[in-house]
């Protein structure tokens, strides 16, 4: 796909994570909108059940940070977009294994762009999660 080509809609987990598409402007916009609409509702529902909530919330803070480089933000949005997708490789309703694919995607994304998820993002994530636990 050329950089100016318009991608088809992103409907499957595989399409959301395809590295050749992660930096395509239309895909970035789709991921950003998906994360904007779905991230907080999903985190509120799942934060106490997923061991990677801190990393996901820290990544969300990093993706919104003006100091985070554009390419890193695009990869963060791709990973967070996968997390909030309604269609999942392993549906989240399966207790015990439902979030393993999400955890793997978040871990892979952190491995790629984790140097841009700073201590301040983790501190904000911890404060956010503590606030959610108290509600």
N, C-alpha and C. Protein backbone atom coordinates (compact mmCIF):
# COMPACT_ATOMS: atom_id res chain seq x y z
N UNK A 1 0.85 -1.17 0.00
CA UNK A 1 0.00 0.00 0.00
C UNK A 1 0.89 1.23 0.00
N UNK A 2 0.60 2.18 -0.84
CA UNK A 2 1.36 3.41 -0.89
C UNK A 2 0.93 4.32 0.25
N UNK A 3 1.79 5.27 0.66
CA UNK A 3 1.42 6.15 1.78
C UNK A 3 0.14 6.94 1.55
N UNK A 4 -0.20 7.25 0.30
CA UNK A 4 -1.39 8.05 0.03
C UNK A 4 -2.63 7.22 -0.23
N UNK A 5 -2.47 5.89 -0.28
CA UNK A 5 -3.62 5.03 -0.55
C UNK A 5 -4.57 5.06 0.63
N UNK A 6 -5.85 4.98 0.34
CA UNK A 6 -6.85 4.95 1.41
C UNK A 6 -7.05 3.50 1.84
N UNK A 7 -6.89 3.22 3.12
CA UNK A 7 -7.09 1.84 3.58
C UNK A 7 -8.57 1.52 3.65
N UNK A 8 -8.86 0.24 3.56
CA UNK A 8 -10.24 -0.17 3.80
C UNK A 8 -10.49 -0.03 5.29
N UNK A 9 -11.74 -0.15 5.71
CA UNK A 9 -12.03 0.02 7.13
C UNK A 9 -11.33 -1.06 7.93
N UNK A 10 -11.03 -0.73 9.16
CA UNK A 10 -10.33 -1.65 10.06
C UNK A 10 -11.39 -2.36 10.88
N UNK A 11 -11.60 -3.62 10.61
CA UNK A 11 -12.63 -4.36 11.31
C UNK A 11 -12.11 -5.58 12.04
N UNK A 12 -10.93 -6.07 11.70
CA UNK A 12 -10.41 -7.26 12.35
C UNK A 12 -9.18 -6.91 13.17
N UNK A 13 -8.86 -7.71 14.18
CA UNK A 13 -7.65 -7.47 14.96
C UNK A 13 -6.40 -7.46 14.09
N UNK A 14 -6.34 -8.33 13.11
CA UNK A 14 -5.17 -8.41 12.25
C UNK A 14 -4.98 -7.10 11.48
N UNK A 15 -6.08 -6.51 10.98
CA UNK A 15 -5.98 -5.25 10.25
C UNK A 15 -5.54 -4.13 11.17
N UNK A 16 -6.00 -4.12 12.41
CA UNK A 16 -5.65 -3.05 13.34
C UNK A 16 -4.17 -3.04 13.66
N UNK A 17 -3.53 -4.20 13.61
CA UNK A 17 -2.13 -4.31 14.02
C UNK A 17 -1.15 -4.43 12.87
N UNK A 18 -1.61 -4.40 11.66
CA UNK A 18 -0.74 -4.56 10.51
C UNK A 18 0.28 -3.42 10.47
N UNK A 19 1.58 -3.72 10.71
CA UNK A 19 2.59 -2.66 10.81
C UNK A 19 2.68 -1.75 9.59
N UNK A 20 2.47 -2.29 8.41
CA UNK A 20 2.57 -1.45 7.21
C UNK A 20 1.47 -0.40 7.15
N UNK A 21 0.42 -0.57 7.95
CA UNK A 21 -0.69 0.37 7.93
C UNK A 21 -0.72 1.30 9.14
N UNK A 22 0.04 0.99 10.17
CA UNK A 22 -0.06 1.74 11.43
C UNK A 22 0.23 3.23 11.28
N UNK A 23 1.05 3.61 10.28
CA UNK A 23 1.41 5.01 10.11
C UNK A 23 0.63 5.70 8.99
N UNK A 24 -0.33 5.00 8.39
CA UNK A 24 -1.17 5.61 7.35
C UNK A 24 -2.11 6.60 8.04
N UNK A 25 -2.16 7.84 7.58
CA UNK A 25 -2.98 8.85 8.27
C UNK A 25 -4.42 8.44 8.54
N UNK A 26 -5.07 7.81 7.58
CA UNK A 26 -6.47 7.41 7.81
C UNK A 26 -6.57 6.34 8.90
N UNK A 27 -5.61 5.46 8.98
CA UNK A 27 -5.60 4.42 10.01
C UNK A 27 -5.34 5.07 11.37
N UNK A 28 -4.43 6.03 11.41
CA UNK A 28 -4.16 6.73 12.67
C UNK A 28 -5.43 7.43 13.16
N UNK A 29 -6.14 8.09 12.24
CA UNK A 29 -7.39 8.76 12.63
C UNK A 29 -8.41 7.75 13.14
N UNK A 30 -8.52 6.61 12.47
CA UNK A 30 -9.47 5.58 12.90
C UNK A 30 -9.10 5.07 14.29
N UNK A 31 -7.82 4.78 14.50
CA UNK A 31 -7.38 4.30 15.82
C UNK A 31 -7.59 5.35 16.89
N UNK A 32 -7.28 6.61 16.57
CA UNK A 32 -7.47 7.69 17.55
C UNK A 32 -8.93 7.81 17.94
N UNK A 33 -9.82 7.73 16.98
CA UNK A 33 -11.25 7.83 17.28
C UNK A 33 -11.73 6.62 18.08
N UNK A 34 -11.26 5.43 17.70
CA UNK A 34 -11.63 4.22 18.43
C UNK A 34 -11.17 4.31 19.88
N UNK A 35 -9.96 4.79 20.11
CA UNK A 35 -9.42 4.93 21.46
C UNK A 35 -10.18 6.02 22.21
N UNK A 36 -10.46 7.14 21.54
CA UNK A 36 -11.20 8.23 22.18
C UNK A 36 -12.55 7.76 22.70
N UNK A 37 -13.25 6.97 21.89
CA UNK A 37 -14.59 6.51 22.27
C UNK A 37 -14.56 5.34 23.25
N UNK A 38 -13.61 4.45 23.09
CA UNK A 38 -13.70 3.19 23.81
C UNK A 38 -12.74 2.94 24.95
N UNK A 39 -11.67 3.73 25.06
CA UNK A 39 -10.65 3.40 26.05
C UNK A 39 -11.16 3.51 27.48
N UNK A 40 -11.71 4.65 27.87
CA UNK A 40 -12.12 4.84 29.26
C UNK A 40 -13.27 3.94 29.67
N UNK A 41 -14.26 3.75 28.82
CA UNK A 41 -15.31 2.78 29.23
C UNK A 41 -14.74 1.38 29.49
N UNK A 42 -13.82 0.95 28.63
CA UNK A 42 -13.26 -0.39 28.82
C UNK A 42 -12.36 -0.45 30.04
N UNK A 43 -11.54 0.55 30.25
CA UNK A 43 -10.67 0.57 31.43
C UNK A 43 -11.51 0.57 32.71
N UNK A 44 -12.57 1.35 32.73
CA UNK A 44 -13.43 1.38 33.93
C UNK A 44 -14.02 0.00 34.22
N UNK A 45 -14.37 -0.73 33.16
CA UNK A 45 -14.96 -2.07 33.34
C UNK A 45 -13.92 -3.11 33.73
N UNK A 46 -12.68 -2.94 33.29
CA UNK A 46 -11.71 -4.03 33.39
C UNK A 46 -10.50 -3.76 34.27
N UNK A 47 -10.30 -2.55 34.72
CA UNK A 47 -9.05 -2.18 35.40
C UNK A 47 -8.71 -3.09 36.57
N UNK A 48 -9.70 -3.56 37.29
CA UNK A 48 -9.41 -4.42 38.44
C UNK A 48 -9.14 -5.87 38.04
N UNK A 49 -9.41 -6.22 36.80
CA UNK A 49 -9.25 -7.62 36.36
C UNK A 49 -8.05 -7.85 35.45
N UNK A 50 -7.44 -6.79 34.93
CA UNK A 50 -6.33 -7.00 33.99
C UNK A 50 -5.02 -6.54 34.62
N UNK A 51 -3.99 -7.37 34.55
CA UNK A 51 -2.72 -7.01 35.17
C UNK A 51 -1.95 -5.93 34.41
N UNK A 52 -2.36 -5.61 33.20
CA UNK A 52 -1.64 -4.63 32.39
C UNK A 52 -2.36 -3.28 32.35
N UNK A 53 -3.28 -3.03 33.28
CA UNK A 53 -4.02 -1.77 33.29
C UNK A 53 -3.08 -0.57 33.43
N UNK A 54 -2.08 -0.69 34.28
CA UNK A 54 -1.12 0.42 34.49
C UNK A 54 -0.42 0.76 33.18
N UNK A 55 0.02 -0.24 32.45
CA UNK A 55 0.72 -0.01 31.19
C UNK A 55 -0.22 0.59 30.15
N UNK A 56 -1.45 0.11 30.11
CA UNK A 56 -2.41 0.63 29.13
C UNK A 56 -2.72 2.10 29.42
N UNK A 57 -2.95 2.44 30.69
CA UNK A 57 -3.27 3.83 31.03
C UNK A 57 -2.05 4.73 30.84
N UNK A 58 -0.87 4.24 31.19
CA UNK A 58 0.35 5.03 30.97
C UNK A 58 0.55 5.28 29.47
N UNK A 59 0.27 4.28 28.67
CA UNK A 59 0.38 4.45 27.22
C UNK A 59 -0.62 5.48 26.72
N UNK A 60 -1.83 5.45 27.26
CA UNK A 60 -2.83 6.45 26.88
C UNK A 60 -2.31 7.85 27.20
N UNK A 61 -1.73 8.02 28.39
CA UNK A 61 -1.17 9.33 28.76
C UNK A 61 -0.03 9.72 27.82
N UNK A 62 0.83 8.77 27.48
CA UNK A 62 1.95 9.06 26.58
C UNK A 62 1.45 9.43 25.18
N UNK A 63 0.41 8.77 24.72
CA UNK A 63 -0.13 9.05 23.38
C UNK A 63 -0.72 10.46 23.31
N UNK A 64 -1.13 11.00 24.44
CA UNK A 64 -1.70 12.35 24.49
C UNK A 64 -0.65 13.43 24.80
N UNK A 65 0.55 13.00 25.11
CA UNK A 65 1.62 13.93 25.49
C UNK A 65 2.19 14.60 24.23
N UNK A 66 2.21 15.94 24.17
CA UNK A 66 2.75 16.62 23.00
C UNK A 66 4.23 16.33 22.76
N UNK A 67 4.94 15.87 23.78
CA UNK A 67 6.37 15.57 23.62
C UNK A 67 6.62 14.19 23.02
N UNK A 68 5.61 13.36 22.94
CA UNK A 68 5.77 12.02 22.36
C UNK A 68 5.85 12.15 20.84
N UNK A 69 6.86 11.55 20.23
CA UNK A 69 6.99 11.63 18.77
C UNK A 69 5.79 11.03 18.04
N UNK A 70 5.48 11.58 16.89
CA UNK A 70 4.33 11.18 16.09
C UNK A 70 4.29 9.68 15.82
N UNK A 71 5.40 9.10 15.37
CA UNK A 71 5.43 7.67 15.03
C UNK A 71 5.14 6.81 16.26
N UNK A 72 5.68 7.21 17.40
CA UNK A 72 5.42 6.46 18.64
C UNK A 72 3.94 6.55 19.00
N UNK A 73 3.36 7.75 18.85
CA UNK A 73 1.93 7.92 19.12
C UNK A 73 1.10 7.02 18.22
N UNK A 74 1.46 6.95 16.96
CA UNK A 74 0.71 6.11 16.02
C UNK A 74 0.74 4.65 16.45
N UNK A 75 1.88 4.16 16.89
CA UNK A 75 1.98 2.77 17.34
C UNK A 75 1.20 2.58 18.65
N UNK A 76 1.25 3.57 19.53
CA UNK A 76 0.49 3.49 20.78
C UNK A 76 -1.00 3.42 20.48
N UNK A 77 -1.46 4.25 19.56
CA UNK A 77 -2.88 4.24 19.20
C UNK A 77 -3.28 2.91 18.57
N UNK A 78 -2.37 2.31 17.81
CA UNK A 78 -2.67 1.00 17.22
C UNK A 78 -2.85 -0.05 18.32
N UNK A 79 -1.95 -0.06 19.30
CA UNK A 79 -2.06 -1.02 20.40
C UNK A 79 -3.29 -0.79 21.25
N UNK A 80 -3.55 0.47 21.59
CA UNK A 80 -4.73 0.79 22.39
C UNK A 80 -6.00 0.58 21.59
N UNK A 81 -5.93 0.83 20.29
CA UNK A 81 -7.08 0.57 19.42
C UNK A 81 -7.45 -0.90 19.40
N UNK A 82 -6.44 -1.77 19.39
CA UNK A 82 -6.71 -3.20 19.45
C UNK A 82 -7.39 -3.55 20.77
N UNK A 83 -6.89 -2.98 21.85
CA UNK A 83 -7.44 -3.25 23.18
C UNK A 83 -8.94 -2.92 23.25
N UNK A 84 -9.36 -1.87 22.60
CA UNK A 84 -10.77 -1.46 22.69
C UNK A 84 -11.64 -2.02 21.57
N UNK A 85 -11.05 -2.72 20.62
CA UNK A 85 -11.85 -3.27 19.51
C UNK A 85 -12.92 -4.23 20.03
N UNK A 86 -14.13 -4.11 19.50
CA UNK A 86 -15.19 -5.04 19.93
C UNK A 86 -14.95 -6.46 19.43
N UNK A 87 -14.26 -6.60 18.30
CA UNK A 87 -13.93 -7.92 17.75
C UNK A 87 -12.51 -8.22 18.21
N UNK A 88 -12.31 -9.40 18.78
CA UNK A 88 -11.05 -9.72 19.41
C UNK A 88 -10.60 -11.11 18.97
N UNK A 89 -9.29 -11.32 18.90
CA UNK A 89 -8.78 -12.65 18.56
C UNK A 89 -9.23 -13.68 19.60
N UNK A 90 -9.17 -13.28 20.87
CA UNK A 90 -9.68 -14.11 21.97
C UNK A 90 -10.70 -13.24 22.69
N UNK A 91 -11.98 -13.53 22.58
CA UNK A 91 -12.99 -12.68 23.21
C UNK A 91 -12.75 -12.51 24.71
N UNK A 92 -12.93 -11.27 25.17
CA UNK A 92 -12.66 -10.92 26.57
C UNK A 92 -13.58 -11.63 27.56
N UNK A 93 -14.68 -12.17 27.11
CA UNK A 93 -15.62 -12.83 28.02
C UNK A 93 -15.10 -14.16 28.53
N UNK A 94 -14.07 -14.72 27.90
CA UNK A 94 -13.51 -15.97 28.36
C UNK A 94 -12.63 -15.71 29.59
N UNK A 95 -13.13 -16.06 30.75
CA UNK A 95 -12.43 -15.81 32.00
C UNK A 95 -11.08 -16.53 31.99
N UNK A 96 -10.05 -15.80 32.38
CA UNK A 96 -8.72 -16.38 32.48
C UNK A 96 -7.88 -16.21 31.23
N UNK A 97 -8.50 -16.32 30.05
CA UNK A 97 -7.70 -16.19 28.83
C UNK A 97 -8.16 -15.05 27.93
N UNK A 98 -9.28 -14.45 28.25
CA UNK A 98 -9.87 -13.45 27.37
C UNK A 98 -9.03 -12.22 27.11
N UNK A 99 -8.16 -11.87 28.05
CA UNK A 99 -7.34 -10.68 27.87
C UNK A 99 -5.90 -11.01 27.50
N UNK A 100 -5.58 -12.28 27.25
CA UNK A 100 -4.20 -12.63 26.94
C UNK A 100 -3.73 -12.01 25.63
N UNK A 101 -4.60 -11.95 24.63
CA UNK A 101 -4.19 -11.31 23.38
C UNK A 101 -3.99 -9.82 23.58
N UNK A 102 -4.87 -9.18 24.36
CA UNK A 102 -4.71 -7.75 24.65
C UNK A 102 -3.39 -7.50 25.39
N UNK A 103 -3.10 -8.35 26.37
CA UNK A 103 -1.86 -8.22 27.13
C UNK A 103 -0.65 -8.37 26.22
N UNK A 104 -0.71 -9.32 25.29
CA UNK A 104 0.40 -9.53 24.36
C UNK A 104 0.60 -8.32 23.45
N UNK A 105 -0.50 -7.75 22.99
CA UNK A 105 -0.40 -6.56 22.12
C UNK A 105 0.17 -5.38 22.89
N UNK A 106 -0.32 -5.15 24.11
CA UNK A 106 0.20 -4.05 24.93
C UNK A 106 1.69 -4.27 25.21
N UNK A 107 2.08 -5.49 25.55
CA UNK A 107 3.49 -5.80 25.82
C UNK A 107 4.36 -5.57 24.58
N UNK A 108 3.88 -6.01 23.42
CA UNK A 108 4.64 -5.80 22.17
C UNK A 108 4.76 -4.32 21.86
N UNK A 109 3.69 -3.59 22.05
CA UNK A 109 3.71 -2.16 21.78
C UNK A 109 4.67 -1.45 22.73
N UNK A 110 4.67 -1.83 24.01
CA UNK A 110 5.60 -1.25 24.98
C UNK A 110 7.05 -1.60 24.57
N UNK A 111 7.26 -2.81 24.08
CA UNK A 111 8.60 -3.19 23.64
C UNK A 111 9.06 -2.30 22.47
N UNK A 112 8.13 -1.92 21.60
CA UNK A 112 8.48 -1.09 20.44
C UNK A 112 8.68 0.38 20.81
N UNK A 113 7.77 0.93 21.60
CA UNK A 113 7.79 2.38 21.84
C UNK A 113 7.83 2.73 23.32
N UNK A 114 8.16 1.76 24.14
CA UNK A 114 8.15 1.96 25.59
C UNK A 114 9.10 3.03 26.09
N UNK A 115 10.13 3.33 25.33
CA UNK A 115 11.05 4.39 25.77
C UNK A 115 10.36 5.75 25.77
N UNK A 116 9.21 5.85 25.12
CA UNK A 116 8.46 7.11 25.09
C UNK A 116 7.36 7.14 26.15
N UNK A 117 7.20 6.04 26.88
CA UNK A 117 6.27 6.02 28.01
C UNK A 117 7.13 6.30 29.23
N UNK A 118 7.06 7.52 29.68
CA UNK A 118 7.96 8.03 30.72
C UNK A 118 7.42 7.79 32.13
N UNK A 119 8.28 8.05 33.09
CA UNK A 119 7.88 7.92 34.49
C UNK A 119 6.66 8.75 34.83
N UNK A 120 6.56 9.94 34.26
CA UNK A 120 5.40 10.80 34.55
C UNK A 120 4.11 10.18 34.03
N UNK A 121 4.21 9.42 32.94
CA UNK A 121 3.02 8.75 32.40
C UNK A 121 2.59 7.62 33.34
N UNK A 122 3.56 6.90 33.87
CA UNK A 122 3.25 5.83 34.83
C UNK A 122 2.69 6.41 36.12
N UNK A 123 3.22 7.53 36.57
CA UNK A 123 2.69 8.17 37.79
C UNK A 123 1.25 8.61 37.56
N UNK A 124 0.98 9.20 36.41
CA UNK A 124 -0.40 9.60 36.09
C UNK A 124 -1.31 8.39 36.02
N UNK A 125 -0.79 7.30 35.47
CA UNK A 125 -1.59 6.07 35.36
C UNK A 125 -1.92 5.53 36.75
N UNK A 126 -0.96 5.52 37.64
CA UNK A 126 -1.21 5.03 39.00
C UNK A 126 -2.24 5.88 39.71
N UNK A 127 -2.16 7.20 39.55
CA UNK A 127 -3.14 8.09 40.16
C UNK A 127 -4.53 7.86 39.57
N UNK A 128 -4.59 7.70 38.26
CA UNK A 128 -5.86 7.45 37.58
C UNK A 128 -6.48 6.15 38.06
N UNK A 129 -5.68 5.09 38.11
CA UNK A 129 -6.19 3.78 38.53
C UNK A 129 -6.64 3.80 39.99
N UNK A 130 -5.90 4.49 40.82
CA UNK A 130 -6.30 4.62 42.24
C UNK A 130 -7.64 5.33 42.33
N UNK A 131 -7.81 6.34 41.55
CA UNK A 131 -9.07 7.08 41.53
C UNK A 131 -10.22 6.18 41.05
N UNK A 132 -9.97 5.36 40.04
CA UNK A 132 -10.99 4.43 39.56
C UNK A 132 -11.34 3.39 40.60
N UNK A 133 -10.36 2.91 41.34
CA UNK A 133 -10.61 1.91 42.38
C UNK A 133 -11.46 2.46 43.51
N UNK A 134 -11.33 3.75 43.78
CA UNK A 134 -12.08 4.37 44.87
C UNK A 134 -13.53 4.65 44.47
N UNK A 135 -13.81 4.71 43.19
CA UNK A 135 -15.19 4.97 42.74
C UNK A 135 -16.08 3.77 42.84
